[in-house]
Protein backbone atom coordinates (compact mmCIF):
# COMPACT_ATOMS: atom_id res chain seq x y z
CA UNK A 1 9.37 -28.31 16.67
CA UNK A 2 6.41 -27.34 14.50
CA UNK A 3 2.94 -27.96 15.83
CA UNK A 4 1.65 -28.72 12.35
CA UNK A 5 4.03 -29.99 9.69
CA UNK A 6 2.06 -30.04 6.50
CA UNK A 7 2.64 -29.80 2.80
CA UNK A 8 -0.07 -27.56 1.45
CA UNK A 9 -2.36 -28.74 -1.29
CA UNK A 10 -3.72 -25.22 -1.75
CA UNK A 11 -3.07 -23.51 -5.05
CA UNK A 12 -2.28 -20.05 -3.72
CA UNK A 13 1.18 -18.51 -4.16
CA UNK A 14 1.73 -17.96 -0.44
CA UNK A 15 1.47 -21.67 0.38
CA UNK A 16 3.85 -22.61 -2.41
CA UNK A 17 6.51 -20.18 -1.18
CA UNK A 18 5.95 -21.31 2.42
CA UNK A 19 6.59 -24.93 1.38
CA UNK A 20 9.80 -23.89 -0.36
CA UNK A 21 11.02 -21.68 2.48
CA UNK A 22 10.35 -24.31 5.15
CA UNK A 23 12.23 -26.95 3.15
CA UNK A 24 15.17 -24.59 2.57
CA UNK A 25 15.27 -23.51 6.22
CA UNK A 26 15.26 -27.12 7.47
CA UNK A 27 18.09 -27.93 5.08
CA UNK A 28 20.21 -24.88 5.98
CA UNK A 29 19.41 -24.26 9.65
CA UNK A 30 17.42 -27.11 11.17
CA UNK A 31 15.80 -26.28 14.49
CA UNK A 32 16.35 -22.54 14.13
CA UNK A 33 13.70 -19.86 13.45
CA UNK A 34 12.83 -19.30 9.80
CA UNK A 35 14.15 -15.88 8.76
CA UNK A 36 12.45 -13.72 6.13
CA UNK A 37 13.43 -10.13 5.43
CA UNK A 38 12.37 -6.78 4.04
CA UNK A 39 14.27 -3.53 3.60
CA UNK A 40 12.78 -0.04 3.69
CA UNK A 41 14.53 3.28 3.27
CA UNK A 42 12.84 6.17 5.14
CA UNK A 43 14.24 8.65 2.61
CA UNK A 44 10.78 10.11 2.08
CA UNK A 45 7.15 8.97 2.25
CA UNK A 46 7.10 5.16 2.24
CA UNK A 47 4.44 4.50 -0.38
CA UNK A 48 2.08 1.70 -1.36
CA UNK A 49 4.60 0.32 -3.84
CA UNK A 50 7.13 -0.04 -1.01
CA UNK A 51 4.48 -1.86 1.03
CA UNK A 52 4.81 -4.84 -1.32
CA UNK A 53 8.38 -5.21 -0.02
CA UNK A 54 6.83 -5.93 3.39
CA UNK A 55 3.55 -7.69 2.56
CA UNK A 56 5.13 -10.36 0.34
CA UNK A 57 7.39 -11.80 3.08
CA UNK A 58 4.80 -11.04 5.78
CA UNK A 59 2.19 -13.24 4.11
CA UNK A 60 4.70 -16.07 3.68
CA UNK A 61 5.94 -15.69 7.26
CA UNK A 62 2.38 -15.69 8.58
CA UNK A 63 1.56 -18.90 6.71
CA UNK A 64 4.66 -20.52 8.19
CA UNK A 65 3.60 -19.38 11.69
CA UNK A 66 0.15 -20.89 11.12
CA UNK A 67 1.89 -24.21 10.57
CA UNK A 68 3.54 -23.95 13.96
CA UNK A 69 7.06 -22.84 13.05
CA UNK A 70 8.95 -20.02 14.73
CA UNK A 71 9.54 -17.18 12.26
CA UNK A 72 11.46 -13.90 12.34
CA UNK A 73 10.39 -11.28 9.82
CA UNK A 74 13.20 -8.73 9.79
CA UNK A 75 12.55 -5.24 8.52
CA UNK A 76 15.83 -3.43 8.00
CA UNK A 77 15.28 0.30 8.20
CA UNK A 78 17.96 1.57 5.84
CA UNK A 79 18.27 4.76 7.83
CA UNK A 80 22.06 4.87 7.43
CA UNK A 81 21.66 5.38 3.68
CA UNK A 82 22.78 8.70 2.29
CA UNK A 83 20.25 11.51 1.86
CA UNK A 84 20.07 11.72 -1.94
CA UNK A 85 17.78 14.59 -2.84
CA UNK A 86 15.17 16.96 -1.49
CA UNK A 87 11.81 15.33 -2.28
CA UNK A 88 9.24 17.55 -3.96
CA UNK A 89 6.05 18.59 -2.24
CA UNK A 90 6.86 17.50 1.32
CA UNK A 91 5.29 19.85 3.83
CA UNK A 92 7.82 21.62 6.04
CA UNK A 93 10.71 21.08 3.61
CA UNK A 94 12.29 23.63 1.29
CA UNK A 95 15.42 23.90 -0.85
CA UNK A 96 17.56 24.56 2.23
CA UNK A 97 17.45 20.82 2.96
CA UNK A 98 19.77 20.44 -0.01
CA UNK A 99 22.70 21.22 2.29
CA UNK A 100 22.23 17.81 3.94
CA UNK A 101 22.60 15.75 0.75
CA UNK A 102 25.24 13.09 1.38
CA UNK A 103 24.59 12.74 5.10
CA UNK A 104 22.97 9.67 6.71
CA UNK A 105 19.20 9.92 6.87
CA UNK A 106 19.39 9.89 10.67
CA UNK A 107 21.62 13.01 10.55
CA UNK A 108 19.15 15.04 8.50
CA UNK A 109 16.66 17.27 10.37
CA UNK A 110 13.03 16.23 10.21
CA UNK A 111 10.63 18.44 8.24
CA UNK A 112 9.74 21.64 10.06
CA UNK A 113 7.05 21.09 12.68
CA UNK A 114 7.72 17.35 12.99
CA UNK A 115 7.53 15.68 16.38
CA UNK A 116 10.41 13.37 15.44
CA UNK A 117 14.15 13.89 16.01
CA UNK A 118 15.35 13.32 12.46
CA UNK A 119 14.35 12.72 8.85
CA UNK A 120 14.41 8.91 9.09
CA UNK A 121 12.29 8.72 12.23
CA UNK A 122 9.77 11.16 10.76
CA UNK A 123 9.07 9.01 7.69
CA UNK A 124 9.42 5.73 9.54
CA UNK A 125 6.71 6.63 12.06
CA UNK A 126 3.75 6.58 9.66
CA UNK A 127 4.83 3.19 8.29
CA UNK A 128 5.23 1.75 11.79
CA UNK A 129 1.65 2.77 12.62
CA UNK A 130 0.32 1.40 9.33
CA UNK A 131 2.06 -1.96 9.80
CA UNK A 132 0.55 -2.26 13.28
CA UNK A 133 -2.93 -1.64 11.85
CA UNK A 134 -2.27 -4.20 9.11
CA UNK A 135 -1.29 -6.85 11.65
CA UNK A 136 2.29 -7.18 10.41
CA UNK A 137 4.52 -8.77 13.06
CA UNK A 138 8.22 -8.00 12.57
CA UNK A 139 11.59 -7.31 14.18
CA UNK A 140 12.82 -3.85 13.20
CA UNK A 141 16.54 -3.28 12.69
CA UNK A 142 18.04 0.21 12.43
CA UNK A 143 21.05 0.09 10.13
CA UNK A 144 22.31 3.30 11.75
CA UNK A 145 22.41 1.47 15.06
CA UNK A 146 23.99 -1.64 13.53
CA UNK A 147 26.82 0.28 11.87
CA UNK A 148 27.51 2.94 14.50
CA UNK A 149 27.74 0.42 17.36
CA UNK A 150 30.16 -1.85 15.49
CA UNK A 151 27.81 -4.81 15.02
CA UNK A 152 29.16 -5.40 11.50
CA UNK A 153 32.83 -4.69 12.32
CA UNK A 154 34.11 -8.20 11.52
CA UNK A 155 32.07 -8.31 8.32
CA UNK A 156 33.50 -4.93 7.24
CA UNK A 157 37.08 -6.01 7.94
CA UNK A 158 36.45 -9.29 6.11
CA UNK A 159 35.10 -7.41 3.07
CA UNK A 160 38.13 -5.09 3.06
CA UNK A 161 40.52 -8.05 3.21
CA UNK A 162 38.68 -9.59 0.26
CA UNK A 163 38.25 -6.35 -1.71
CA UNK A 164 40.17 -7.68 -4.72
CA UNK A 165 37.85 -10.70 -4.96
CA UNK A 166 34.78 -8.46 -4.61
CA UNK A 167 36.12 -6.13 -7.28
CA UNK A 168 36.66 -9.08 -9.62
CA UNK A 169 33.09 -10.29 -9.09
CA UNK A 170 31.66 -6.83 -9.69
CA UNK A 171 33.83 -6.44 -12.76
CA UNK A 172 32.11 -9.41 -14.36
CA UNK A 173 28.93 -7.35 -14.41
CA UNK A 174 30.18 -3.82 -15.01
CA UNK A 175 30.27 -4.32 -18.78
CA UNK A 176 26.81 -5.85 -18.82
CA UNK A 177 24.14 -3.36 -19.59
CA UNK A 178 20.73 -3.83 -18.13
CA UNK A 179 18.05 -4.16 -20.80
CA UNK A 180 16.65 -0.79 -21.77
CA UNK A 181 13.54 0.04 -19.86
CA UNK A 182 10.49 0.70 -21.99
CA UNK A 183 9.67 4.36 -22.24
CA UNK A 184 6.90 5.13 -19.80
CA UNK A 185 4.07 7.23 -21.03
CA UNK A 186 3.50 10.41 -19.07
CA UNK A 187 0.59 9.09 -17.09
CA UNK A 188 -1.38 11.43 -14.89
CA UNK A 189 -0.74 11.06 -11.18
CA UNK A 190 -4.01 9.22 -10.65
CA UNK A 191 -2.74 6.36 -12.84
CA UNK A 192 0.78 6.32 -11.45
CA UNK A 193 2.75 3.12 -11.08
CA UNK A 194 4.69 2.93 -7.84
CA UNK A 195 7.76 0.78 -8.12
CA UNK A 196 8.22 -0.91 -4.79
CA UNK A 197 11.95 -0.25 -4.45
CA UNK A 198 11.74 3.30 -5.76
CA UNK A 199 12.05 4.91 -2.36
CA UNK A 200 15.63 4.03 -1.48
CA UNK A 201 17.51 4.43 -4.72
CA UNK A 202 19.85 1.75 -3.40
CA UNK A 203 19.78 -0.20 -6.64
CA UNK A 204 21.49 2.70 -8.41
CA UNK A 205 24.13 3.22 -5.69
CA UNK A 206 27.79 3.07 -6.69
CA UNK A 207 29.67 -0.15 -5.98
CA UNK A 208 32.82 1.42 -4.55
CA UNK A 209 34.78 1.48 -7.79
CA UNK A 210 36.44 4.46 -9.45
CA UNK A 211 39.01 5.45 -6.85
CA UNK A 212 42.59 6.08 -8.00
CA UNK A 213 43.99 4.10 -5.06
CA UNK A 214 42.08 0.95 -5.99
CA UNK A 215 38.78 -0.62 -5.11
CA UNK A 216 37.31 -0.32 -1.60
CA UNK A 217 33.86 -1.71 -0.66
CA UNK A 218 33.55 0.66 2.28
CA UNK A 219 32.60 4.33 2.37
CA UNK A 220 33.21 6.50 5.44
CA UNK A 221 31.09 9.47 6.37
CA UNK A 222 33.30 12.57 6.71
CA UNK A 223 34.45 13.46 10.22
CA UNK A 224 33.96 17.17 9.55
CA UNK A 225 30.94 17.72 7.28
CA UNK A 226 29.29 14.34 7.92
CA UNK A 227 28.77 13.54 4.24
CA UNK A 228 29.73 10.44 2.28
CA UNK A 229 31.43 12.42 -0.50
CA UNK A 230 34.66 10.74 0.54
CA UNK A 231 37.39 8.83 -1.27
CA UNK A 232 39.48 6.16 0.44
CA UNK A 233 43.14 6.83 -0.41
CA UNK A 234 44.78 3.89 1.36
CA UNK A 235 44.13 0.89 3.59
CA UNK A 236 46.42 -1.43 5.51
CA UNK A 237 45.08 -4.92 6.17
CA UNK A 238 47.41 -5.56 9.12
CA UNK A 239 46.82 -2.36 11.08
CA UNK A 240 43.33 -1.67 9.58
CA UNK A 241 44.46 1.94 9.10
CA UNK A 242 42.26 3.64 6.53
CA UNK A 243 42.91 7.10 5.08
CA UNK A 244 40.29 9.13 3.29
CA UNK A 245 39.66 12.63 2.01
CA UNK A 246 36.36 14.43 1.61
CA UNK A 247 35.70 16.02 -1.77
CA UNK A 248 32.96 18.19 -0.25
CA UNK A 249 34.91 20.03 2.45
CA UNK A 250 38.52 18.95 1.89
CA UNK A 251 38.84 17.25 5.28
CA UNK A 252 40.98 14.14 5.55
CA UNK A 253 42.03 11.77 8.29
CA UNK A 254 43.46 8.35 9.02
CA UNK A 255 41.44 6.01 11.23
CA UNK A 256 41.65 2.42 12.46
CA UNK A 257 38.77 0.54 10.85
CA UNK A 258 38.90 -1.95 13.74
CA UNK A 259 37.66 0.90 15.95
CA UNK A 260 35.92 3.23 13.50
CA UNK A 261 32.10 3.12 13.23
CA UNK A 262 31.22 6.08 10.97
CA UNK A 263 30.73 4.50 7.57
CA UNK A 264 29.13 1.59 5.76
CA UNK A 265 29.69 -1.04 3.13
CA UNK A 266 28.58 -0.10 -0.37
CA UNK A 267 25.11 -1.42 -1.16
CA UNK A 268 26.10 -4.29 -3.45
CA UNK A 269 28.27 -5.68 -0.66
CA UNK A 270 26.13 -4.58 2.29
CA UNK A 271 23.03 -6.50 1.17
CA UNK A 272 24.67 -9.95 0.70
CA UNK A 273 26.63 -9.40 3.93
CA UNK A 274 23.31 -9.04 5.77
CA UNK A 275 21.89 -12.17 4.12
CA UNK A 276 24.76 -14.17 5.57
CA UNK A 277 24.81 -12.37 8.93
CA UNK A 278 21.07 -12.81 9.57
CA UNK A 279 20.64 -16.18 7.82
CA UNK A 280 17.89 -14.87 5.56
CA UNK A 281 15.91 -17.60 3.78
CA UNK A 282 13.39 -15.44 1.90
CA UNK A 283 13.57 -11.84 0.71
CA UNK A 284 11.78 -10.57 -2.39
CA UNK A 285 13.02 -7.61 -4.42
CA UNK A 286 11.68 -5.11 -6.94
CA UNK A 287 12.36 -5.17 -10.65
CA UNK A 288 15.24 -2.68 -10.36
CA UNK A 289 17.14 -5.16 -8.20
CA UNK A 290 16.69 -8.06 -10.59
CA UNK A 291 18.20 -6.98 -13.93
CA UNK A 292 21.66 -8.16 -15.09
CA UNK A 293 24.36 -6.59 -12.93
CA UNK A 294 21.89 -5.41 -10.30
CA UNK A 295 22.30 -5.85 -6.57
CA UNK A 296 20.27 -9.07 -6.16
CA UNK A 297 22.01 -10.82 -9.05
CA UNK A 298 25.52 -9.71 -8.04
CA UNK A 299 24.71 -10.28 -4.38
CA UNK A 300 24.08 -13.96 -5.00
CA UNK A 301 27.68 -14.44 -6.09
CA UNK A 302 29.14 -12.21 -3.38
CA UNK A 303 27.26 -13.94 -0.55
CA UNK A 304 28.56 -17.34 -1.70
CA UNK A 305 32.14 -16.47 -2.55
CA UNK A 306 32.89 -13.80 0.05
CA UNK A 307 30.62 -14.34 3.05
CA UNK A 308 30.15 -18.12 2.78
CA UNK A 309 26.39 -17.70 2.79
CA UNK A 310 23.41 -18.55 0.63
CA UNK A 311 21.29 -16.22 -1.46
CA UNK A 312 17.69 -16.13 -0.21
CA UNK A 313 14.72 -17.31 -2.19
CA UNK A 314 13.93 -14.00 -3.80
CA UNK A 315 10.96 -13.57 -6.11
CA UNK A 316 10.77 -10.35 -8.08
CA UNK A 317 7.66 -8.31 -7.42
CA UNK A 318 5.87 -6.08 -9.88
CA UNK A 319 4.50 -2.56 -9.83
CA UNK A 320 1.61 -1.39 -7.72
CA UNK A 321 -0.63 1.01 -9.60
CA UNK A 322 -2.83 3.74 -8.19
CA UNK A 323 -6.13 4.70 -9.74
CA UNK A 324 -7.53 8.10 -8.88
CA UNK A 325 -5.97 10.40 -6.33
CA UNK A 326 -8.37 13.27 -6.69
CA UNK A 327 -7.20 15.12 -3.62
CA UNK A 328 -4.20 13.05 -2.70
CA UNK A 329 -2.31 15.34 -0.37
CA UNK A 330 -0.05 17.77 -2.15
CA UNK A 331 2.12 17.62 0.97
CA UNK A 332 3.19 14.19 -0.20
CA UNK A 333 3.81 15.17 -3.77
CA UNK A 334 0.93 12.97 -4.94
CA UNK A 335 2.44 9.69 -3.69
CA UNK A 336 -0.06 7.74 -1.56
CA UNK A 337 1.17 5.86 1.49
CA UNK A 338 -0.29 2.90 3.41
CA UNK A 339 -1.59 5.43 5.94
CA UNK A 340 -3.48 7.20 3.15
CA UNK A 341 -5.04 3.93 1.98
CA UNK A 342 -6.03 2.94 5.51
CA UNK A 343 -7.98 6.18 5.86
CA UNK A 344 -10.39 5.07 3.13
CA UNK A 345 -10.33 1.26 3.40
CA UNK A 346 -10.21 -1.26 6.22
CA UNK A 347 -7.00 -3.18 6.84
CA UNK A 348 -8.37 -6.58 5.65
CA UNK A 349 -9.27 -5.11 2.25
CA UNK A 350 -5.81 -3.61 1.80
CA UNK A 351 -4.18 -6.89 2.87
CA UNK A 352 -6.39 -8.75 0.38
CA UNK A 353 -5.18 -6.64 -2.54
CA UNK A 354 -1.62 -7.83 -1.86
CA UNK A 355 -2.57 -11.41 -0.94
CA UNK A 356 -4.69 -12.28 -3.97
CA UNK A 357 -2.06 -11.46 -6.62
CA UNK A 358 1.22 -13.29 -7.15
CA UNK A 359 4.23 -11.05 -6.50
CA UNK A 360 5.05 -10.81 -10.21
CA UNK A 361 1.53 -9.58 -11.03
CA UNK A 362 0.81 -5.87 -11.10
CA UNK A 363 -2.36 -4.56 -9.52
CA UNK A 364 -4.01 -1.25 -8.71
CA UNK A 365 -5.15 0.29 -5.47
CA UNK A 366 -8.23 2.43 -5.98
CA UNK A 367 -8.68 5.92 -4.60
CA UNK A 368 -11.46 6.70 -7.09
CA UNK A 369 -14.94 5.24 -7.67
CA UNK A 370 -13.31 1.85 -8.26
CA UNK A 371 -13.01 1.44 -4.50
CA UNK A 372 -16.76 0.82 -4.39
CA UNK A 373 -16.43 -2.08 -6.83
CA UNK A 374 -13.52 -3.50 -4.84
CA UNK A 375 -15.61 -3.45 -1.68
CA UNK A 376 -18.51 -5.11 -3.52
CA UNK A 377 -16.09 -7.82 -4.65
CA UNK A 378 -14.77 -8.25 -1.10
CA UNK A 379 -18.30 -8.52 0.34
CA UNK A 380 -19.24 -11.07 -2.31
CA UNK A 381 -16.14 -13.10 -1.43
CA UNK A 382 -17.07 -12.95 2.26
CA UNK A 383 -20.56 -14.26 1.51
CA UNK A 384 -19.08 -17.12 -0.53
CA UNK A 385 -16.79 -18.01 2.34
CA UNK A 386 -19.81 -18.02 4.67
CA UNK A 387 -21.92 -20.32 2.46
CA UNK A 388 -19.05 -22.63 1.47
CA UNK A 389 -19.15 -21.90 -2.26
CA UNK A 390 -15.73 -20.21 -2.39
CA UNK A 391 -12.85 -21.63 -4.44
CA UNK A 392 -9.83 -22.86 -2.42
CA UNK A 393 -7.38 -20.20 -3.63
CA UNK A 394 -9.92 -17.43 -3.00
CA UNK A 395 -10.62 -18.84 0.46
CA UNK A 396 -6.90 -18.79 1.23
CA UNK A 397 -6.55 -15.17 0.09
CA UNK A 398 -9.55 -14.20 2.22
CA UNK A 399 -8.15 -15.96 5.27
CA UNK A 400 -4.78 -14.23 4.88
CA UNK A 401 -6.54 -10.87 4.60
CA UNK A 402 -9.01 -11.22 7.46
CA UNK A 403 -6.68 -12.71 10.06
CA UNK A 404 -3.09 -13.49 10.93
CA UNK A 405 -1.58 -16.33 12.92
CA UNK A 406 -2.11 -14.11 15.98
CA UNK A 407 -5.87 -13.81 15.42
CA UNK A 408 -8.64 -11.92 13.64
CA UNK A 409 -8.13 -8.35 12.50
CA UNK A 410 -10.72 -5.81 13.72
CA UNK A 411 -13.84 -5.87 11.59
CA UNK A 412 -17.08 -3.93 11.12
CA UNK A 413 -19.95 -5.65 13.01
CA UNK A 414 -22.53 -4.71 10.36
CA UNK A 415 -20.61 -4.40 7.07
CA UNK A 416 -23.15 -2.42 5.05
CA UNK A 417 -22.24 -1.89 1.38
CA UNK A 418 -19.45 0.67 1.06
CA UNK A 419 -21.17 2.41 -1.85
CA UNK A 420 -24.31 2.82 0.25
CA UNK A 421 -22.37 4.26 3.17
CA UNK A 422 -20.52 6.61 0.84
CA UNK A 423 -23.77 7.82 -0.71
CA UNK A 424 -25.35 8.43 2.68
CA UNK A 425 -22.45 10.42 4.12
CA UNK A 426 -22.24 12.33 0.84
CA UNK A 427 -25.88 13.36 1.07
CA UNK A 428 -25.91 14.03 4.82
CA UNK A 429 -22.46 15.69 4.90
CA UNK A 430 -21.69 13.35 7.81
CA UNK A 431 -24.53 14.50 10.09
CA UNK A 432 -24.71 11.54 12.50
CA UNK A 433 -28.39 11.75 13.48
CA UNK A 434 -29.53 11.86 9.87
CA UNK A 435 -27.02 9.17 8.89
CA UNK A 436 -28.34 6.83 11.59
CA UNK A 437 -31.94 7.50 10.51
CA UNK A 438 -31.19 6.56 6.92
CA UNK A 439 -29.05 3.52 7.73
CA UNK A 440 -31.66 2.22 10.19
CA UNK A 441 -34.26 2.36 7.40
CA UNK A 442 -32.21 0.28 4.96
CA UNK A 443 -33.59 -2.92 6.46
CA UNK A 444 -36.60 -2.16 8.72
CA UNK A 445 -36.75 -5.80 9.84
CA UNK A 446 -33.21 -5.58 11.21
CA UNK A 447 -32.54 -1.89 11.86
CA UNK A 448 -29.14 -0.46 12.70
CA UNK A 449 -29.26 0.69 16.32
CA UNK A 450 -25.97 2.56 16.50
CA UNK A 451 -23.47 3.97 14.03
CA UNK A 452 -20.78 2.04 15.89
CA UNK A 453 -22.22 -1.12 14.34
CA UNK A 454 -21.24 0.27 10.91
CA UNK A 455 -17.75 1.35 11.98
CA UNK A 456 -14.94 1.44 11.01
CA UNK A 457 -16.28 0.99 7.46
CA UNK A 458 -18.55 4.02 7.83
CA UNK A 459 -15.59 6.19 8.84
CA UNK A 460 -13.56 4.96 5.88
CA UNK A 461 -16.40 5.78 3.47
CA UNK A 462 -16.76 9.24 4.99
CA UNK A 463 -13.01 9.85 4.65
CA UNK A 464 -13.21 8.77 1.01
CA UNK A 465 -16.04 11.19 0.27
CA UNK A 466 -14.36 14.13 2.00
CA UNK A 467 -10.80 13.59 0.71
CA UNK A 468 -11.13 11.88 -2.67
CA UNK A 469 -14.39 13.06 -4.27
CA UNK A 470 -14.05 16.53 -5.83
CA UNK A 471 -16.46 19.17 -4.57
CA UNK A 472 -18.18 19.46 -7.96
CA UNK A 473 -19.05 15.75 -7.79
CA UNK A 474 -20.59 15.88 -4.32
CA UNK A 475 -24.36 15.48 -4.02
CA UNK A 476 -26.43 18.53 -3.11
CA UNK A 477 -30.16 17.89 -2.70
CA UNK A 478 -32.39 20.72 -3.95
CA UNK A 479 -34.01 22.93 -1.37
CA UNK A 480 -37.02 23.84 -3.54
CA UNK A 481 -38.84 22.06 -6.41
CA UNK A 482 -37.71 22.71 -9.98
CA UNK A 483 -41.01 24.26 -10.99
CA UNK A 484 -39.86 24.91 -14.56
CA UNK A 485 -38.98 21.26 -15.14
CA UNK A 486 -42.14 20.03 -13.41
CA UNK A 487 -44.24 22.38 -15.54
CA UNK A 488 -42.71 21.04 -18.76
CA UNK A 489 -43.58 17.38 -18.09
CA UNK A 490 -46.04 15.58 -20.33
CA UNK A 491 -48.79 13.29 -19.05
CA UNK A 492 -46.51 10.26 -19.06
CA UNK A 493 -43.85 12.04 -17.00
CA UNK A 494 -46.39 13.25 -14.43
CA UNK A 495 -47.96 9.78 -14.17
CA UNK A 496 -44.58 8.13 -13.55
CA UNK A 497 -43.93 10.55 -10.65
CA UNK A 498 -47.43 9.87 -9.25
CA UNK A 499 -46.83 6.11 -9.28
CA UNK A 500 -43.50 6.56 -7.51
CA UNK A 501 -44.95 8.78 -4.76
CA UNK A 502 -47.94 6.46 -4.33
CA UNK A 503 -45.61 3.55 -3.56
CA UNK A 504 -43.21 5.33 -1.18
CA UNK A 505 -44.92 4.37 2.08
CA UNK A 506 -45.32 0.69 1.24
CA UNK A 507 -41.79 0.34 -0.21
CA UNK A 508 -39.82 2.35 2.34
CA UNK A 509 -36.67 0.20 2.62
CA UNK A 510 -33.63 -0.23 0.44
CA UNK A 511 -34.95 -3.37 -1.25
CA UNK A 512 -38.47 -1.97 -1.48
CA UNK A 513 -37.39 1.28 -3.11
CA UNK A 514 -35.18 -0.66 -5.51
CA UNK A 515 -38.22 -2.64 -6.62
CA UNK A 516 -40.26 0.57 -6.85
CA UNK A 517 -37.92 2.70 -8.96
CA UNK A 518 -37.26 -0.13 -11.40
CA UNK A 519 -40.92 -1.11 -11.43
CA UNK A 520 -42.52 2.25 -12.30
CA UNK A 521 -41.30 2.21 -15.95
CA UNK A 522 -42.53 -1.39 -16.24
CA UNK A 523 -46.01 -0.46 -15.05
CA UNK A 524 -45.98 2.55 -17.39
CA UNK A 525 -45.26 0.10 -20.24
CA UNK A 526 -48.21 -2.10 -19.23
CA UNK A 527 -46.00 -4.81 -17.69
CA UNK A 528 -45.95 -6.45 -14.27
CA UNK A 529 -43.51 -4.89 -11.73
CA UNK A 530 -41.43 -8.08 -11.76
CA UNK A 531 -41.27 -8.36 -15.57
CA UNK A 532 -37.85 -9.07 -17.08
CA UNK A 533 -36.25 -5.99 -18.65
CA UNK A 534 -36.10 -5.59 -22.42
CA UNK A 535 -33.79 -3.21 -24.34
CA UNK A 536 -36.71 -0.81 -24.78
CA UNK A 537 -37.56 -1.02 -21.08
CA UNK A 538 -33.95 -0.28 -20.09
CA UNK A 539 -34.09 2.92 -22.16
CA UNK A 540 -37.32 3.92 -20.40
CA UNK A 541 -35.76 3.21 -16.99
CA UNK A 542 -32.71 5.34 -17.76
CA UNK A 543 -34.97 8.20 -18.88
CA UNK A 544 -37.03 7.92 -15.68
CA UNK A 545 -33.91 7.79 -13.49
CA UNK A 546 -32.47 10.88 -15.18
CA UNK A 547 -35.72 12.76 -14.50
CA UNK A 548 -35.62 11.85 -10.82
CA UNK A 549 -31.97 12.92 -10.49
CA UNK A 550 -32.71 16.26 -12.15
CA UNK A 551 -35.65 16.90 -9.82
CA UNK A 552 -33.77 15.82 -6.68
CA UNK A 553 -30.13 16.89 -7.22
CA UNK A 554 -30.17 18.99 -10.42
CA UNK A 555 -27.97 16.50 -12.29
CA UNK A 556 -28.69 13.49 -14.48
CA UNK A 557 -26.63 11.14 -12.31
CA UNK A 558 -25.92 10.68 -8.63
CA UNK A 559 -25.95 8.10 -5.83
CA UNK A 560 -28.09 4.99 -6.32
CA UNK A 561 -31.68 6.17 -6.39
CA UNK A 562 -33.00 3.91 -3.60
CA UNK A 563 -30.26 5.21 -1.28
CA UNK A 564 -30.88 8.79 -2.39
CA UNK A 565 -34.62 8.52 -1.76
CA UNK A 566 -34.03 7.10 1.72
CA UNK A 567 -31.58 9.88 2.47
CA UNK A 568 -33.85 12.66 1.27
CA UNK A 569 -36.85 11.32 3.21
CA UNK A 570 -40.39 10.63 1.97
CA UNK A 571 -41.85 14.05 2.78
CA UNK A 572 -39.05 15.97 1.05
CA UNK A 573 -39.15 13.60 -1.93
CA UNK A 574 -42.84 14.35 -2.39
CA UNK A 575 -42.19 18.08 -2.14
CA UNK A 576 -39.43 18.01 -4.76
CA UNK A 577 -41.45 15.80 -7.09
CA UNK A 578 -44.34 18.26 -7.07
CA UNK A 579 -46.83 16.59 -4.74
């Protein structure tokens, strides 16, 4: 029995789905664990679009656990799917992998140099590690294991006995054309949209029709070449004898389906079969599964009429966009994975991006400068949670990001601003002693005593600088003064530098230097240092800032000036400014 049986008054989407799922589960299977499901095909890198397939049910399952219910989140690894094509740009893979097309993913060799036994395990491994870091609790199911050990034997025989009914259901949809997809513009990789179901290709899989001997919802893998390029030529319901021929190698044989375990149901029958077999209450799906005649729509009818089951609550989820992949590994063909994101952002932030948007809302994950704004937004949310000024829906999204029903996710003890950390490691090139000196001077009243206090956020910022910021955008502090520029300054320019250097000692902290660099142009204009900016004053400030950047880093832009000054150090600043 649940510890807490509550109907949520929160306005967030997770609570609303949890209410619906609990009610449906109690109606369908009272007293049994609530079952939610995801499906992932390890046919290649499992990307951040695919992650929505997992995070949507995970967040709902976690909310249900918080209310005291027992929940099973199933992740079906569709590793018995056919190998469809050789993905581009995968390290250790060349055109020779084309010979395996048509075989199960678990029968395809892993990329050269991999530590894993096969293709499926190789691509599954990174996702398993990422899900652990994200705090996702689940029961993994290998479809290779399910099929090859005969777990679904009765379901397969039942589908074959009812093949005419299945064919009739599918035929209702075969003449229905899905609405034409809008033509996508040829966006650069850094603005790519990652459709969450894109990885498997299951939505486009054939439905078992087209054979001259009739319709069969089951496809064997060939006993000689191991591929699924087979055609069933006959089947006897009484003896379960099934004959097939392989169009790839010409092999043919007759087997007893009541004993044969080397094949699988076609996707549009396999999916609803699993809904009924596992008792799935909630499973979202991508847009390609939700159009007329697609697997989710057809599956709803098949699960009711063939397998005596119920279609899950199944919201459609939208695209996940990616902004900026400056150096996103060419070994992955430019497709970022959860592991890639977790190298540059902490797990709570990545969870938050999925938690704060309804499944049918698109959103972007930033690999460019936008990540700094996202972190600022996250830190502002955290401060609102701390002072009690946060809105209920935002508080719920924060709670789902920062912790699970099992407890808090690891966090940075001193979460210094991400943009500050990025600027510091950019300037110091990651030198730890210099990095600690600068970070300890940000707030002299409460200095940082160890870099471990700033981790793991510091490590994420360093990874972002080294992997995502192009070399020509990195900050290089001048070794010697720009004597030509200094010699060309007028009296006003020289006086502004004098005022800055005069105030360095008394303003040597992040807040103090912020006041100083914004205050010098005010004093030069005859105003008080705390005067409110005017349009004219803002122009003067921009001109002053550009001068400082040129003298310090030979560019007109760079890291925030207070951070840059701290990083360079007072003595070197004075040297470069002509003292």
